C-alpha atoms as a PDB file:
ATOM      1  CA  MET A   1    -103.916 -99.518-123.230  1.00  0.00           C
ATOM      2  CA  SER A   2    -103.271 -95.861-123.758  1.00  0.00           C
ATOM      3  CA  ALA A   3    -103.280 -94.419-127.267  1.00  0.00           C
ATOM      4  CA  LEU A   4     -99.796 -93.193-126.455  1.00  0.00           C
ATOM      5  CA  ALA A   5     -98.466 -96.725-126.545  1.00  0.00           C
ATOM      6  CA  VAL A   6     -97.638 -97.190-130.210  1.00  0.00           C
ATOM      7  CA  GLY A   7     -97.926-100.888-130.979  1.00  0.00           C
ATOM      8  CA  VAL A   8     -95.730-101.289-134.047  1.00  0.00           C
ATOM      9  CA  PRO A   9     -94.183 -97.902-134.831  1.00  0.00           C
ATOM     10  CA  THR A  10     -92.891 -97.160-138.302  1.00  0.00           C
ATOM     11  CA  ALA A  11     -90.627 -94.197-138.774  1.00  0.00           C
ATOM     12  CA  VAL A  12     -90.334 -92.395-142.063  1.00  0.00           C
ATOM     13  CA  VAL A  13     -86.736 -91.737-143.011  1.00  0.00           C
ATOM     14  CA  LEU A  14     -85.381 -89.099-145.346  1.00  0.00           C
ATOM     15  CA  GLY A  15     -82.164 -89.602-147.240  1.00  0.00           C
ATOM     16  CA  GLY A  16     -81.900 -93.343-146.566  1.00  0.00           C
ATOM     17  CA  SER A  17     -81.128 -96.082-149.044  1.00  0.00           C
ATOM     18  CA  ASP A  18     -83.115 -99.227-149.816  1.00  0.00           C
ATOM     19  CA  ALA A  19     -79.778-101.029-150.043  1.00  0.00           C
ATOM     20  CA  ASP A  20     -78.889-100.193-146.453  1.00  0.00           C
ATOM     21  CA  PRO A  21     -78.421-103.586-144.736  1.00  0.00           C
ATOM     22  CA  ASP A  22     -79.277-102.114-141.318  1.00  0.00           C
ATOM     23  CA  ARG A  23     -82.699-100.844-142.329  1.00  0.00           C
ATOM     24  CA  LYS A  24     -85.526-102.930-140.949  1.00  0.00           C
ATOM     25  CA  PRO A  25     -87.969-104.211-143.597  1.00  0.00           C
ATOM     26  CA  ASP A  26     -90.986-102.655-141.873  1.00  0.00           C
ATOM     27  CA  GLN A  27     -89.605 -99.132-142.207  1.00  0.00           C
ATOM     28  CA  THR A  28     -90.441 -96.777-145.047  1.00  0.00           C
ATOM     29  CA  VAL A  29     -87.862 -94.557-146.704  1.00  0.00           C
ATOM     30  CA  ALA A  30     -89.360 -91.321-147.959  1.00  0.00           C
ATOM     31  CA  THR A  31     -87.753 -88.560-149.966  1.00  0.00           C
ATOM     32  CA  ASP A  32     -90.719 -86.202-150.167  1.00  0.00           C
ATOM     33  CA  PRO A  33     -92.041 -84.281-148.365  1.00  0.00           C
ATOM     34  CA  ALA A  34     -89.083 -83.183-146.268  1.00  0.00           C
ATOM     35  CA  PRO A  35     -89.586 -81.906-142.727  1.00  0.00           C
ATOM     36  CA  PRO A  36     -89.739 -78.123-142.402  1.00  0.00           C
ATOM     37  CA  GLY A  37     -86.440 -76.475-141.655  1.00  0.00           C
ATOM     38  CA  ARG A  38     -83.968 -73.760-142.437  1.00  0.00           C
ATOM     39  CA  THR A  39     -80.268 -73.187-142.381  1.00  0.00           C
ATOM     40  CA  LEU A  40     -79.314 -72.808-138.738  1.00  0.00           C
ATOM     41  CA  PRO A  41     -76.848 -70.088-137.774  1.00  0.00           C
ATOM     42  CA  ALA A  42     -73.522 -71.547-136.633  1.00  0.00           C
ATOM     43  CA  GLY A  43     -73.617 -72.484-132.956  1.00  0.00           C
ATOM     44  CA  PHE A  44     -77.436 -72.636-132.770  1.00  0.00           C
ATOM     45  CA  HIS A  45     -79.961 -75.481-132.466  1.00  0.00           C
ATOM     46  CA  TYR A  46     -83.731 -75.925-132.579  1.00  0.00           C
ATOM     47  CA  GLU A  47     -85.940 -75.950-129.502  1.00  0.00           C
ATOM     48  CA  SER A  48     -89.600 -76.979-129.868  1.00  0.00           C
ATOM     49  CA  TRP A  49     -92.640 -76.900-127.631  1.00  0.00           C
ATOM     50  CA  HIS A  50     -96.086 -77.898-128.891  1.00  0.00           C
ATOM     51  CA  GLY A  51     -96.281 -76.598-132.467  1.00  0.00           C
ATOM     52  CA  VAL A  52     -93.663 -73.834-132.198  1.00  0.00           C
ATOM     53  CA  THR A  53     -89.906 -73.980-132.839  1.00  0.00           C
ATOM     54  CA  ILE A  54     -87.196 -71.393-132.137  1.00  0.00           C
ATOM     55  CA  GLU A  55     -83.437 -71.216-132.704  1.00  0.00           C
ATOM     56  CA  VAL A  56     -81.187 -70.708-129.662  1.00  0.00           C
ATOM     57  CA  PRO A  57     -77.418 -70.771-128.995  1.00  0.00           C
ATOM     58  CA  ASP A  58     -75.900 -74.188-128.248  1.00  0.00           C
ATOM     59  CA  ASP A  59     -74.318 -73.057-124.976  1.00  0.00           C
ATOM     60  CA  TRP A  60     -77.610 -72.097-123.309  1.00  0.00           C
ATOM     61  CA  ARG A  61     -78.717 -74.227-120.368  1.00  0.00           C
ATOM     62  CA  TYR A  62     -82.105 -75.563-119.265  1.00  0.00           C
ATOM     63  CA  GLY A  63     -83.938 -74.304-116.207  1.00  0.00           C
ATOM     64  CA  ALA A  64     -86.273 -71.620-114.892  1.00  0.00           C
ATOM     65  CA  ILE A  65     -85.689 -67.929-115.583  1.00  0.00           C
ATOM     66  CA  SER A  66     -86.958 -67.190-112.068  1.00  0.00           C
ATOM     67  CA  GLN A  67     -84.144 -69.278-110.521  1.00  0.00           C
ATOM     68  CA  TRP A  68     -81.232 -67.217-111.791  1.00  0.00           C
ATOM     69  CA  CYS A  69     -79.804 -66.786-108.275  1.00  0.00           C
ATOM     70  CA  VAL A  70     -79.525 -70.516-107.485  1.00  0.00           C
ATOM     71  CA  GLY A  71     -75.888 -71.569-107.074  1.00  0.00           C
ATOM     72  CA  SER A  72     -73.474 -68.676-107.327  1.00  0.00           C
ATOM     73  CA  GLY A  73     -76.047 -66.063-106.402  1.00  0.00           C
ATOM     74  CA  GLU A  74     -75.075 -64.103-109.503  1.00  0.00           C
ATOM     75  CA  LEU A  75     -76.915 -63.755-112.792  1.00  0.00           C
ATOM     76  CA  SER A  76     -76.637 -67.144-114.473  1.00  0.00           C
ATOM     77  CA  PRO A  77     -76.187 -67.714-118.216  1.00  0.00           C
ATOM     78  CA  PRO A  78     -79.427 -67.709-120.254  1.00  0.00           C
ATOM     79  CA  VAL A  79     -81.725 -70.709-119.837  1.00  0.00           C
ATOM     80  CA  ILE A  80     -84.471 -72.380-121.860  1.00  0.00           C
ATOM     81  CA  GLU A  81     -87.644 -72.802-119.808  1.00  0.00           C
ATOM     82  CA  ARG A  82     -90.644 -74.985-120.560  1.00  0.00           C
ATOM     83  CA  PRO A  83     -93.911 -75.107-118.605  1.00  0.00           C
ATOM     84  CA  GLY A  84     -93.830 -77.516-115.700  1.00  0.00           C
ATOM     85  CA  PRO A  85     -93.345 -77.739-111.949  1.00  0.00           C
ATOM     86  CA  SER A  86     -90.291 -76.043-110.435  1.00  0.00           C
ATOM     87  CA  THR A  87     -88.997 -75.174-107.002  1.00  0.00           C
ATOM     88  CA  LEU A  88     -90.245 -71.838-105.703  1.00  0.00           C
ATOM     89  CA  VAL A  89     -87.220 -69.570-105.323  1.00  0.00           C
ATOM     90  CA  GLY A  90     -87.366 -65.911-104.341  1.00  0.00           C
ATOM     91  CA  CYS A  91     -84.467 -64.284-106.176  1.00  0.00           C
ATOM     92  CA  LEU A  92     -83.631 -60.709-105.237  1.00  0.00           C
ATOM     93  CA  PRO A  93     -83.263 -57.884-106.178  1.00  0.00           C
ATOM     94  CA  HIS A  94     -85.276 -58.949-109.251  1.00  0.00           C
ATOM     95  CA  GLU A  95     -87.528 -61.930-109.902  1.00  0.00           C
ATOM     96  CA  ASN A  96     -86.255 -62.973-113.327  1.00  0.00           C
ATOM     97  CA  GLY A  97     -82.952 -63.532-115.082  1.00  0.00           C
ATOM     98  CA  TYR A  98     -81.910 -64.144-118.704  1.00  0.00           C
ATOM     99  CA  GLY A  99     -83.301 -66.651-121.152  1.00  0.00           C
ATOM    100  CA  VAL A 100     -86.327 -67.698-123.147  1.00  0.00           C
ATOM    101  CA  ARG A 101     -89.478 -69.476-122.019  1.00  0.00           C
ATOM    102  CA  PHE A 102     -92.455 -71.103-123.677  1.00  0.00           C
ATOM    103  CA  GLN A 103     -95.951 -70.508-122.305  1.00  0.00           C
ATOM    104  CA  GLU A 104     -99.371 -71.709-123.408  1.00  0.00           C
ATOM    105  CA  ILE A 105    -101.858 -68.902-124.116  1.00  0.00           C
ATOM    106  CA  ASP A 106    -105.427 -68.680-125.409  1.00  0.00           C
ATOM    107  CA  ASN A 107    -104.576 -66.222-128.198  1.00  0.00           C
ATOM    108  CA  THR A 108    -103.642 -68.132-131.370  1.00  0.00           C
ATOM    109  CA  GLU A 109    -102.915 -65.037-133.448  1.00  0.00           C
ATOM    110  CA  ASP A 110     -99.410 -63.875-134.410  1.00  0.00           C
ATOM    111  CA  PHE A 111     -98.317 -60.859-132.361  1.00  0.00           C
ATOM    112  CA  TYR A 112     -95.233 -59.160-130.900  1.00  0.00           C
ATOM    113  CA  TRP A 113     -94.496 -57.456-127.640  1.00  0.00           C
ATOM    114  CA  PRO A 114     -91.592 -55.229-128.735  1.00  0.00           C
ATOM    115  CA  LEU A 115     -88.306 -55.491-126.851  1.00  0.00           C
ATOM    116  CA  ALA A 116     -88.067 -52.926-124.061  1.00  0.00           C
ATOM    117  CA  LYS A 117     -86.641 -52.385-120.591  1.00  0.00           C
ATOM    118  CA  GLN A 118     -89.200 -53.655-118.094  1.00  0.00           C
ATOM    119  CA  GLY A 119     -88.568 -52.337-114.591  1.00  0.00           C
ATOM    120  CA  SER A 120     -87.751 -53.972-111.276  1.00  0.00           C
ATOM    121  CA  SER A 121     -88.853 -57.558-112.068  1.00  0.00           C
ATOM    122  CA  TRP A 122     -86.048 -57.917-114.609  1.00  0.00           C
ATOM    123  CA  PRO A 123     -82.296 -57.188-114.703  1.00  0.00           C
ATOM    124  CA  ALA A 124     -81.625 -53.505-115.367  1.00  0.00           C
ATOM    125  CA  ASP A 125     -79.761 -54.281-118.604  1.00  0.00           C
ATOM    126  CA  ALA A 126     -82.278 -56.795-119.949  1.00  0.00           C
ATOM    127  CA  TRP A 127     -84.333 -56.299-123.078  1.00  0.00           C
ATOM    128  CA  VAL A 128     -87.620 -58.136-122.607  1.00  0.00           C
ATOM    129  CA  GLY A 129     -90.119 -58.986-125.331  1.00  0.00           C
ATOM    130  CA  ALA A 130     -92.318 -61.756-126.648  1.00  0.00           C
ATOM    131  CA  HIS A 131     -93.674 -63.356-129.803  1.00  0.00           C
ATOM    132  CA  GLY A 132     -97.046 -65.077-129.672  1.00  0.00           C
ATOM    133  CA  LEU A 133     -98.101 -67.556-132.331  1.00  0.00           C
ATOM    134  CA  GLY A 134    -100.243 -70.654-132.535  1.00  0.00           C
ATOM    135  CA  GLY A 135    -101.324 -70.463-128.905  1.00  0.00           C
ATOM    136  CA  VAL A 136     -97.724 -70.334-127.656  1.00  0.00           C
ATOM    137  CA  LEU A 137     -95.943 -67.314-126.182  1.00  0.00           C
ATOM    138  CA  VAL A 138     -92.163 -67.150-126.588  1.00  0.00           C
ATOM    139  CA  GLU A 139     -90.843 -64.672-124.020  1.00  0.00           C
ATOM    140  CA  ILE A 140     -87.220 -63.553-123.924  1.00  0.00           C
ATOM    141  CA  SER A 141     -84.909 -61.577-121.630  1.00  0.00           C
ATOM    142  CA  LEU A 142     -81.361 -60.719-122.732  1.00  0.00           C
ATOM    143  CA  PRO A 143     -78.864 -57.866-122.394  1.00  0.00           C
ATOM    144  CA  ASP A 144     -78.121 -58.225-126.145  1.00  0.00           C
ATOM    145  CA  ILE A 145     -81.060 -56.655-128.004  1.00  0.00           C
ATOM    146  CA  ASN A 146     -79.916 -57.980-131.389  1.00  0.00           C
ATOM    147  CA  LEU A 147     -79.709 -61.586-130.217  1.00  0.00           C
ATOM    148  CA  ALA A 148     -83.057 -61.254-128.448  1.00  0.00           C
ATOM    149  CA  GLN A 149     -84.685 -59.998-131.657  1.00  0.00           C
ATOM    150  CA  GLN A 150     -83.025 -62.738-133.713  1.00  0.00           C
ATOM    151  CA  ILE A 151     -84.461 -65.449-131.453  1.00  0.00           C
ATOM    152  CA  LEU A 152     -87.940 -63.938-131.429  1.00  0.00           C
ATOM    153  CA  ASP A 153     -87.861 -63.632-135.220  1.00  0.00           C
ATOM    154  CA  SER A 154     -86.850 -67.293-135.557  1.00  0.00           C
ATOM    155  CA  ALA A 155     -90.127 -68.547-134.042  1.00  0.00           C
ATOM    156  CA  GLN A 156     -92.115 -70.630-136.513  1.00  0.00           C
ATOM    157  CA  ILE A 157     -95.332 -72.638-136.399  1.00  0.00           C
ATOM    158  CA  ASN A 158     -94.959 -76.243-137.535  1.00  0.00           C
ATOM    159  CA  ALA A 159     -97.987 -77.547-139.390  1.00  0.00           C
ATOM    160  CA  ALA A 160     -97.076 -81.217-138.865  1.00  0.00           C
ATOM    161  CA  LEU A 161     -93.349 -81.695-138.169  1.00  0.00           C
ATOM    162  CA  ASP A 162     -90.655 -79.685-136.457  1.00  0.00           C
ATOM    163  CA  PRO A 163     -87.199 -79.267-138.061  1.00  0.00           C
ATOM    164  CA  ASN A 164     -85.844 -82.234-136.049  1.00  0.00           C
ATOM    165  CA  GLY A 165     -88.357 -84.521-137.760  1.00  0.00           C
ATOM    166  CA  CYS A 166     -90.719 -84.774-134.775  1.00  0.00           C
ATOM    167  CA  PRO A 167     -94.502 -84.580-135.287  1.00  0.00           C
ATOM    168  CA  ILE A 168     -96.221 -81.908-133.217  1.00  0.00           C
ATOM    169  CA  ASP A 169     -98.330 -84.637-131.577  1.00  0.00           C
ATOM    170  CA  ASP A 170     -97.900 -88.364-131.033  1.00  0.00           C
ATOM    171  CA  LYS A 171    -100.492 -89.402-133.623  1.00  0.00           C
ATOM    172  CA  SER A 172     -97.952 -89.353-136.471  1.00  0.00           C
ATOM    173  CA  ASP A 173     -94.563 -90.914-137.121  1.00  0.00           C
ATOM    174  CA  PRO A 174     -91.232 -89.073-137.076  1.00  0.00           C
ATOM    175  CA  VAL A 175     -89.668 -88.178-140.426  1.00  0.00           C
ATOM    176  CA  VAL A 176     -85.976 -88.680-139.744  1.00  0.00           C
ATOM    177  CA  PRO A 177     -83.633 -86.339-141.656  1.00  0.00           C
ATOM    178  CA  GLY A 178     -80.922 -88.540-143.199  1.00  0.00           C
ATOM    179  CA  ASP A 179     -78.505 -90.597-141.104  1.00  0.00           C
ATOM    180  CA  ALA A 180     -79.725 -89.166-137.811  1.00  0.00           C
ATOM    181  CA  MET A 181     -82.032 -90.087-134.947  1.00  0.00           C
ATOM    182  CA  SER A 182     -85.058 -88.033-133.952  1.00  0.00           C
ATOM    183  CA  VAL A 183     -85.803 -88.038-130.220  1.00  0.00           C
ATOM    184  CA  CYS A 184     -89.354 -86.763-129.719  1.00  0.00           C
ATOM    185  CA  THR A 185     -90.833 -86.256-126.237  1.00  0.00           C
ATOM    186  CA  TYR A 186     -94.597 -85.943-125.696  1.00  0.00           C
ATOM    187  CA  ASP A 187     -96.600 -85.084-122.591  1.00  0.00           C
ATOM    188  CA  GLY A 188     -99.572 -87.031-121.253  1.00  0.00           C
ATOM    189  CA  ALA A 189    -101.871 -85.198-123.676  1.00  0.00           C
ATOM    190  CA  GLY A 190     -99.752 -86.320-126.623  1.00  0.00           C
ATOM    191  CA  GLN A 191     -98.305 -82.846-127.358  1.00  0.00           C
ATOM    192  CA  LEU A 192     -94.664 -82.373-128.355  1.00  0.00           C
ATOM    193  CA  VAL A 193     -92.714 -80.829-125.468  1.00  0.00           C
ATOM    194  CA  ASN A 194     -89.131 -81.434-126.565  1.00  0.00           C
ATOM    195  CA  SER A 195     -87.261 -82.622-129.639  1.00  0.00           C
ATOM    196  CA  GLU A 196     -83.673 -83.399-130.482  1.00  0.00           C
ATOM    197  CA  LEU A 197     -81.691 -84.646-133.463  1.00  0.00           C
ATOM    198  CA  LEU A 198     -78.809 -87.031-132.736  1.00  0.00           C
ATOM    199  CA  THR A 199     -76.078 -87.246-135.358  1.00  0.00           C
ATOM    200  CA  GLY A 200     -72.785 -89.040-136.003  1.00  0.00           C
ATOM    201  CA  SER A 201     -71.494 -91.280-133.216  1.00  0.00           C
ATOM    202  CA  GLN A 202     -74.479 -90.325-131.052  1.00  0.00           C
ATOM    203  CA  VAL A 203     -76.760 -92.251-133.412  1.00  0.00           C
ATOM    204  CA  GLN A 204     -74.519 -95.316-133.310  1.00  0.00           C
ATOM    205  CA  ASP A 205     -74.356 -95.260-129.512  1.00  0.00           C
ATOM    206  CA  ALA A 206     -78.114 -94.763-129.103  1.00  0.00           C
ATOM    207  CA  GLU A 207     -78.859 -97.553-131.586  1.00  0.00           C
ATOM    208  CA  ALA A 208     -76.425 -99.852-129.771  1.00  0.00           C
ATOM    209  CA  ALA A 209     -78.135 -99.103-126.445  1.00  0.00           C
ATOM    210  CA  LEU A 210     -81.558 -99.971-127.878  1.00  0.00           C
ATOM    211  CA  ASP A 211     -80.288-102.982-129.836  1.00  0.00           C
ATOM    212  CA  SER A 212     -78.669-104.536-126.772  1.00  0.00           C
ATOM    213  CA  THR A 213     -81.874-104.603-124.709  1.00  0.00           C
ATOM    214  CA  GLU A 214     -83.367-107.997-123.935  1.00  0.00           C
ATOM    215  CA  SER A 215     -86.847-109.139-124.840  1.00  0.00           C
ATOM    216  CA  ALA A 216     -89.269-108.635-121.974  1.00  0.00           C
ATOM    217  CA  GLY A 217     -92.520-109.713-123.567  1.00  0.00           C
ATOM    218  CA  ASN A 218     -95.168-107.343-124.847  1.00  0.00           C
ATOM    219  CA  PRO A 219     -96.546-105.379-123.145  1.00  0.00           C
ATOM    220  CA  VAL A 220     -94.138-104.937-120.251  1.00  0.00           C
ATOM    221  CA  CYS A 221     -96.656-102.873-118.276  1.00  0.00           C
ATOM    222  CA  THR A 222    -100.261-103.966-118.079  1.00  0.00           C
ATOM    223  CA  ASP A 223    -101.473-101.090-115.913  1.00  0.00           C
ATOM    224  CA  VAL A 224    -100.539 -98.135-118.117  1.00  0.00           C
ATOM    225  CA  SER A 225    -103.498 -95.820-118.679  1.00  0.00           C
ATOM    226  CA  SER A 226    -103.737 -92.421-120.324  1.00  0.00           C
ATOM    227  CA  LYS A 227    -104.303 -90.652-117.004  1.00  0.00           C
ATOM    228  CA  ASP A 228    -101.048 -92.096-115.619  1.00  0.00           C
ATOM    229  CA  VAL A 229     -98.754 -91.424-118.576  1.00  0.00           C
ATOM    230  CA  VAL A 230     -96.387 -88.558-117.872  1.00  0.00           C
ATOM    231  CA  GLN A 231     -94.245 -88.720-121.006  1.00  0.00           C
ATOM    232  CA  THR A 232     -93.830 -90.747-124.151  1.00  0.00           C
ATOM    233  CA  VAL A 233     -90.474 -90.674-125.943  1.00  0.00           C
ATOM    234  CA  ARG A 234     -90.085 -91.778-129.543  1.00  0.00           C
ATOM    235  CA  LEU A 235     -86.573 -92.581-130.800  1.00  0.00           C
ATOM    236  CA  ALA A 236     -86.441 -93.147-134.549  1.00  0.00           C
ATOM    237  CA  SER A 237     -83.558 -93.662-136.986  1.00  0.00           C
ATOM    238  CA  ILE A 238     -83.095 -95.519-140.247  1.00  0.00           C
ATOM    239  CA  ALA A 239     -82.164 -98.683-138.310  1.00  0.00           C
ATOM    240  CA  LEU A 240     -84.255 -98.565-135.143  1.00  0.00           C
ATOM    241  CA  ASP A 241     -87.646 -97.317-133.985  1.00  0.00           C
ATOM    242  CA  ALA A 242     -88.472 -97.334-130.274  1.00  0.00           C
ATOM    243  CA  THR A 243     -91.150 -95.980-127.941  1.00  0.00           C
ATOM    244  CA  LEU A 244     -90.657 -95.408-124.218  1.00  0.00           C
ATOM    245  CA  ILE A 245     -93.691 -94.737-122.016  1.00  0.00           C
ATOM    246  CA  GLU A 246     -93.038 -93.192-118.604  1.00  0.00           C
ATOM    247  CA  ASP A 247     -95.434 -93.121-115.683  1.00  0.00           C
ATOM    248  CA  PRO A 248     -94.811 -93.007-111.914  1.00  0.00           C
ATOM    249  CA  ASN A 249     -95.264 -96.773-111.544  1.00  0.00           C
ATOM    250  CA  CYS A 250     -93.916 -98.361-114.675  1.00  0.00           C
ATOM    251  CA  LEU A 251     -91.694 -97.929-117.715  1.00  0.00           C
ATOM    252  CA  GLN A 252     -92.580 -99.573-121.011  1.00  0.00           C
ATOM    253  CA  LEU A 253     -90.099 -99.857-123.878  1.00  0.00           C
ATOM    254  CA  THR A 254     -90.878-101.274-127.300  1.00  0.00           C
ATOM    255  CA  VAL A 255     -88.362-101.626-130.131  1.00  0.00           C
ATOM    256  CA  HIS A 256     -90.038-102.345-133.476  1.00  0.00           C
ATOM    257  CA  GLY A 257     -93.157-103.239-131.495  1.00  0.00           C
ATOM    258  CA  GLU A 258     -91.405-105.819-129.266  1.00  0.00           C
ATOM    259  CA  GLY A 259     -91.338-105.306-125.508  1.00  0.00           C
ATOM    260  CA  ARG A 260     -87.800-104.801-124.210  1.00  0.00           C
ATOM    261  CA  THR A 261     -86.152-104.255-120.859  1.00  0.00           C
ATOM    262  CA  VAL A 262     -85.384-100.646-119.917  1.00  0.00           C
ATOM    263  CA  THR A 263     -81.683-100.067-119.208  1.00  0.00           C
ATOM    264  CA  GLU A 264     -79.620 -97.180-117.936  1.00  0.00           C
ATOM    265  CA  ASP A 265     -78.090 -96.738-121.404  1.00  0.00           C
ATOM    266  CA  VAL A 266     -81.552 -96.487-122.999  1.00  0.00           C
ATOM    267  CA  LEU A 267     -82.662 -93.822-120.535  1.00  0.00           C
ATOM    268  CA  TYR A 268     -79.403 -91.942-121.102  1.00  0.00           C
ATOM    269  CA  TRP A 269     -80.369 -91.423-124.729  1.00  0.00           C
ATOM    270  CA  ALA A 270     -84.136 -91.188-124.289  1.00  0.00           C
ATOM    271  CA  LEU A 271     -83.940 -88.373-121.728  1.00  0.00           C
ATOM    272  CA  SER A 272     -83.058 -85.389-123.870  1.00  0.00           C
ATOM    273  CA  PRO A 273     -81.311 -82.432-122.198  1.00  0.00           C
ATOM    274  CA  GLY A 274     -84.034 -80.301-120.695  1.00  0.00           C
ATOM    275  CA  SER A 275     -86.599 -83.093-120.397  1.00  0.00           C
ATOM    276  CA  GLY A 276     -87.947 -84.405-117.124  1.00  0.00           C
ATOM    277  CA  GLY A 277     -90.309 -87.205-116.247  1.00  0.00           C
ATOM    278  CA  SER A 278     -91.755 -89.225-113.418  1.00  0.00           C
ATOM    279  CA  PHE A 279     -90.209 -92.635-112.858  1.00  0.00           C
ATOM    280  CA  PRO A 280     -90.677 -95.699-110.649  1.00  0.00           C
ATOM    281  CA  ASN A 281     -88.349 -95.876-107.652  1.00  0.00           C
ATOM    282  CA  ASP A 282     -86.436 -98.765-109.205  1.00  0.00           C
ATOM    283  CA  ALA A 283     -85.964 -97.127-112.615  1.00  0.00           C
ATOM    284  CA  PRO A 284     -82.370 -97.521-113.891  1.00  0.00           C
ATOM    285  CA  LEU A 285     -81.791 -93.770-114.197  1.00  0.00           C
ATOM    286  CA  PRO A 286     -78.375 -92.725-115.542  1.00  0.00           C
ATOM    287  CA  SER A 287     -75.936 -91.389-112.961  1.00  0.00           C
ATOM    288  CA  GLU A 288     -75.353 -88.319-115.126  1.00  0.00           C
ATOM    289  CA  HIS A 289     -77.881 -86.523-117.295  1.00  0.00           C
ATOM    290  CA  ARG A 290     -76.833 -86.216-120.922  1.00  0.00           C
ATOM    291  CA  LYS A 291     -75.732 -82.746-122.010  1.00  0.00           C
ATOM    292  CA  ARG A 292     -76.133 -81.203-125.428  1.00  0.00           C
END
């Protein structure tokens, strides 16, 4: 069994109450330390990759900066790009559009590439720059130099947790901020590639989707190995703690350590906007991907 398959996960929850009737007895409520975080500007949210988090506008999409011409053929709104396979598209007259992308680099020092106009590979009005820290390069391209600088300046290294309560690797448990649900996505190497914080009715709906799953025995998949795992998703709230393992041949869902059936509703909440995956042909994928 892969180390990614957490047997009996236990989330740590901030701001909960021991008197909460919905809290499972095997969960621990913690009030200190709190996950790292700051006051977000209105209309912004956190985006994390590996140990680095940035703040971006809520209306940005997910995709590849190099695919700006797909669809209308005009410059698309800014996108958030993570490393991974994508369709090769030759956009002209320039190769790149607007947005921000994460890249893995060998240099772990903190450095800036100042915002500047960059020639024919970029839109003529784009300010392009980068911030490197912790082995991650955050590169940005925007016509608004002030917004571009604001996003670069927001980059932070997370020592253990990101602001959505997700550990930077799958060896630790989420620390859920209050009455929310942390959705933490890890790659096959156990590194955080995406995180999200569900709030309000989203939490209730996600908990209901997980709670309504039927027992399927444990483990559901007997052939999961570390080399096959594409993603592991951890969904943790004050009431529920679940782990979903994705590989090309099998899906394995555990809720409080018990094997459960994977449903369309579960995948709707487990697949955060901007996340991908590799699924069996018979996987109950949602007809519509969830949007932020």
